[in-house]
Amino acid sequence: MYFSLKSPTLFEPEAIPSVNEFLHDEPEEKSERLAKIRKFAQWLVAQMERNGFSTNGLGLDGDGWVFEVPSDAGFVMCIVSNLDGDEDNIGLLVTEIGGAPETVARGVEAMLSKSPEIVELNVAR
């Protein structure tokens, strides 16, 4: 499931990547764009844990901020990015891998739909 959204209170247009957040062999702009959504990614992980989904932590790679939600059957990969053109638009890809149930994606959809932090939410199944 793919979510496209805006979150004015969690988007930091002036954020600068830390030394550890510069992606090697990638344009500097990519690291700068991902730094602007760091606060949202951290908020999302915290919200998911508050809603009963355990996560394995948050990491950064060339696709964006990445974390996994373990499952009895496989796991769910979540990637938070804003690399598709609109700088203040945030994308969230939630993918079930190895037979993981769709409960995580549905839970994320419900959580984002109810949050006052989120505006202009679009969902593609």
C-alpha atoms as a PDB file:
ATOM      1  CA  MET A   1       0.000   0.000   0.000  1.00  0.00           C
ATOM      2  CA  TYR A   2       1.343   3.460  -0.857  1.00  0.00           C
ATOM      3  CA  PHE A   3       0.453   6.606   1.069  1.00  0.00           C
ATOM      4  CA  SER A   4       1.064  10.124  -0.172  1.00  0.00           C
ATOM      5  CA  LEU A   5       0.599  12.914   2.363  1.00  0.00           C
ATOM      6  CA  LYS A   6       1.657  16.237   3.738  1.00  0.00           C
ATOM      7  CA  SER A   7       2.455  16.952   7.349  1.00  0.00           C
ATOM      8  CA  PRO A   8       3.286  20.624   7.862  1.00  0.00           C
ATOM      9  CA  THR A   9       4.046  20.191  11.573  1.00  0.00           C
ATOM     10  CA  LEU A  10       6.391  17.228  11.005  1.00  0.00           C
ATOM     11  CA  PHE A  11       8.109  18.478   7.836  1.00  0.00           C
ATOM     12  CA  GLU A  12      11.259  20.478   8.560  1.00  0.00           C
ATOM     13  CA  PRO A  13      12.169  22.557   5.488  1.00  0.00           C
ATOM     14  CA  GLU A  14      15.348  23.889   7.137  1.00  0.00           C
ATOM     15  CA  ALA A  15      16.639  20.504   8.369  1.00  0.00           C
ATOM     16  CA  ILE A  16      20.237  19.643   7.579  1.00  0.00           C
ATOM     17  CA  PRO A  17      21.504  16.058   7.428  1.00  0.00           C
ATOM     18  CA  SER A  18      23.824  14.996  10.224  1.00  0.00           C
ATOM     19  CA  VAL A  19      27.218  13.584   9.289  1.00  0.00           C
ATOM     20  CA  ASN A  20      25.801  10.053   9.529  1.00  0.00           C
ATOM     21  CA  GLU A  21      22.855  10.922   7.275  1.00  0.00           C
ATOM     22  CA  PHE A  22      24.831  11.833   4.159  1.00  0.00           C
ATOM     23  CA  LEU A  23      24.325   9.030   1.647  1.00  0.00           C
ATOM     24  CA  HIS A  24      27.565   7.949  -0.019  1.00  0.00           C
ATOM     25  CA  ASP A  25      27.556   7.844  -3.806  1.00  0.00           C
ATOM     26  CA  GLU A  26      24.266   9.779  -3.919  1.00  0.00           C
ATOM     27  CA  PRO A  27      23.649  13.443  -4.789  1.00  0.00           C
ATOM     28  CA  GLU A  28      23.807  15.716  -1.730  1.00  0.00           C
ATOM     29  CA  GLU A  29      20.263  16.906  -2.494  1.00  0.00           C
ATOM     30  CA  LYS A  30      18.929  13.434  -1.727  1.00  0.00           C
ATOM     31  CA  SER A  31      20.345  13.498   1.813  1.00  0.00           C
ATOM     32  CA  GLU A  32      19.000  17.015   2.311  1.00  0.00           C
ATOM     33  CA  ARG A  33      15.490  16.022   1.194  1.00  0.00           C
ATOM     34  CA  LEU A  34      15.461  13.005   3.509  1.00  0.00           C
ATOM     35  CA  ALA A  35      16.610  15.132   6.458  1.00  0.00           C
ATOM     36  CA  LYS A  36      13.483  17.269   5.997  1.00  0.00           C
ATOM     37  CA  ILE A  37      11.217  14.270   6.662  1.00  0.00           C
ATOM     38  CA  ARG A  38      13.283  12.767   9.506  1.00  0.00           C
ATOM     39  CA  LYS A  39      10.887  14.145  12.133  1.00  0.00           C
ATOM     40  CA  PHE A  40       7.905  12.545  10.361  1.00  0.00           C
ATOM     41  CA  ALA A  41       9.673   9.169  10.107  1.00  0.00           C
ATOM     42  CA  GLN A  42      10.511   9.260  13.829  1.00  0.00           C
ATOM     43  CA  TRP A  43       6.929  10.261  14.663  1.00  0.00           C
ATOM     44  CA  LEU A  44       5.558   7.422  12.514  1.00  0.00           C
ATOM     45  CA  VAL A  45       7.681   4.781  14.264  1.00  0.00           C
ATOM     46  CA  ALA A  46       6.620   6.127  17.684  1.00  0.00           C
ATOM     47  CA  GLN A  47       2.944   6.165  16.662  1.00  0.00           C
ATOM     48  CA  MET A  48       3.116   2.635  15.331  1.00  0.00           C
ATOM     49  CA  GLU A  49       4.645   1.391  18.563  1.00  0.00           C
ATOM     50  CA  ARG A  50       1.969   3.226  20.580  1.00  0.00           C
ATOM     51  CA  ASN A  51      -0.625   1.438  18.459  1.00  0.00           C
ATOM     52  CA  GLY A  52       0.804  -2.006  19.180  1.00  0.00           C
ATOM     53  CA  PHE A  53       3.137  -2.576  16.228  1.00  0.00           C
ATOM     54  CA  SER A  54       6.693  -3.415  17.230  1.00  0.00           C
ATOM     55  CA  THR A  55       9.363  -2.025  14.922  1.00  0.00           C
ATOM     56  CA  ASN A  56      13.021  -2.849  14.491  1.00  0.00           C
ATOM     57  CA  GLY A  57      14.220   0.744  14.559  1.00  0.00           C
ATOM     58  CA  LEU A  58      14.715   3.363  11.894  1.00  0.00           C
ATOM     59  CA  GLY A  59      17.526   3.413   9.345  1.00  0.00           C
ATOM     60  CA  LEU A  60      18.437   5.476   6.314  1.00  0.00           C
ATOM     61  CA  ASP A  61      19.255   4.136   2.870  1.00  0.00           C
ATOM     62  CA  GLY A  62      19.094   5.395  -0.708  1.00  0.00           C
ATOM     63  CA  ASP A  63      15.324   4.868  -0.861  1.00  0.00           C
ATOM     64  CA  GLY A  64      14.504   6.793   2.325  1.00  0.00           C
ATOM     65  CA  TRP A  65      13.889   6.133   5.999  1.00  0.00           C
ATOM     66  CA  VAL A  66      13.338   2.413   6.418  1.00  0.00           C
ATOM     67  CA  PHE A  67      12.027   0.211   9.210  1.00  0.00           C
ATOM     68  CA  GLU A  68      10.453  -3.203   9.518  1.00  0.00           C
ATOM     69  CA  VAL A  69       7.516  -4.554  11.474  1.00  0.00           C
ATOM     70  CA  PRO A  70       8.078  -8.229  12.349  1.00  0.00           C
ATOM     71  CA  SER A  71       5.274 -10.716  11.852  1.00  0.00           C
ATOM     72  CA  ASP A  72       4.688 -14.386  12.619  1.00  0.00           C
ATOM     73  CA  ALA A  73       4.826 -14.942   8.871  1.00  0.00           C
ATOM     74  CA  GLY A  74       7.455 -12.735   7.232  1.00  0.00           C
ATOM     75  CA  PHE A  75       7.665  -9.014   7.937  1.00  0.00           C
ATOM     76  CA  VAL A  76       6.383  -5.663   6.757  1.00  0.00           C
ATOM     77  CA  MET A  77       8.837  -3.219   5.173  1.00  0.00           C
ATOM     78  CA  CYS A  78       8.037   0.490   5.542  1.00  0.00           C
ATOM     79  CA  ILE A  79       9.869   3.132   3.511  1.00  0.00           C
ATOM     80  CA  VAL A  80       9.327   6.852   4.119  1.00  0.00           C
ATOM     81  CA  SER A  81      10.577   9.113   1.327  1.00  0.00           C
ATOM     82  CA  ASN A  82      10.028  12.371  -0.501  1.00  0.00           C
ATOM     83  CA  LEU A  83      12.043  11.785  -3.629  1.00  0.00           C
ATOM     84  CA  ASP A  84       9.273  11.858  -6.230  1.00  0.00           C
ATOM     85  CA  GLY A  85       9.230  15.534  -7.175  1.00  0.00           C
ATOM     86  CA  ASP A  86       7.045  17.513  -4.765  1.00  0.00           C
ATOM     87  CA  GLU A  87       9.527  18.485  -2.044  1.00  0.00           C
ATOM     88  CA  ASP A  88       7.067  18.751   0.855  1.00  0.00           C
ATOM     89  CA  ASN A  89       5.088  15.666  -0.146  1.00  0.00           C
ATOM     90  CA  ILE A  90       5.862  12.578   1.930  1.00  0.00           C
ATOM     91  CA  GLY A  91       5.509   9.074   0.548  1.00  0.00           C
ATOM     92  CA  LEU A  92       5.116   5.947   2.639  1.00  0.00           C
ATOM     93  CA  LEU A  93       5.337   2.489   1.106  1.00  0.00           C
ATOM     94  CA  VAL A  94       4.088  -0.382   3.285  1.00  0.00           C
ATOM     95  CA  THR A  95       4.906  -3.788   1.793  1.00  0.00           C
ATOM     96  CA  GLU A  96       4.093  -7.198   3.231  1.00  0.00           C
ATOM     97  CA  ILE A  97       6.905  -9.688   2.614  1.00  0.00           C
ATOM     98  CA  GLY A  98       6.966 -13.430   3.158  1.00  0.00           C
ATOM     99  CA  GLY A  99       3.278 -13.895   3.882  1.00  0.00           C
ATOM    100  CA  ALA A 100       2.914 -11.069   6.422  1.00  0.00           C
ATOM    101  CA  PRO A 101      -0.745 -10.069   6.906  1.00  0.00           C
ATOM    102  CA  GLU A 102      -2.199  -6.775   5.670  1.00  0.00           C
ATOM    103  CA  THR A 103      -3.061  -5.711   9.220  1.00  0.00           C
ATOM    104  CA  VAL A 104      -0.060  -3.369   9.402  1.00  0.00           C
ATOM    105  CA  ALA A 105      -1.018  -1.465   6.240  1.00  0.00           C
ATOM    106  CA  ARG A 106      -4.621  -1.184   7.389  1.00  0.00           C
ATOM    107  CA  GLY A 107      -3.489  -0.048  10.835  1.00  0.00           C
ATOM    108  CA  VAL A 108      -1.213   2.595   9.303  1.00  0.00           C
ATOM    109  CA  GLU A 109      -4.069   3.816   7.101  1.00  0.00           C
ATOM    110  CA  ALA A 110      -6.388   4.166  10.099  1.00  0.00           C
ATOM    111  CA  MET A 111      -3.697   5.874  12.164  1.00  0.00           C
ATOM    112  CA  LEU A 112      -2.826   8.409   9.444  1.00  0.00           C
ATOM    113  CA  SER A 113      -6.498   9.080   8.651  1.00  0.00           C
ATOM    114  CA  LYS A 114      -7.229   9.994  12.274  1.00  0.00           C
ATOM    115  CA  SER A 115      -4.104  12.060  12.941  1.00  0.00           C
ATOM    116  CA  PRO A 116      -4.390  15.859  13.033  1.00  0.00           C
ATOM    117  CA  GLU A 117      -0.728  15.961  11.931  1.00  0.00           C
ATOM    118  CA  ILE A 118      -1.603  14.606   8.478  1.00  0.00           C
ATOM    119  CA  VAL A 119      -3.213  16.524   5.607  1.00  0.00           C
ATOM    120  CA  GLU A 120      -3.858  15.653   1.961  1.00  0.00           C
ATOM    121  CA  LEU A 121      -3.719  11.892   2.573  1.00  0.00           C
ATOM    122  CA  ASN A 122      -4.000   9.754  -0.566  1.00  0.00           C
ATOM    123  CA  VAL A 123      -3.916   5.961  -0.515  1.00  0.00           C
ATOM    124  CA  ALA A 124      -3.078   3.608  -3.387  1.00  0.00           C
ATOM    125  CA  ARG A 125      -3.718  -0.074  -2.839  1.00  0.00           C
END
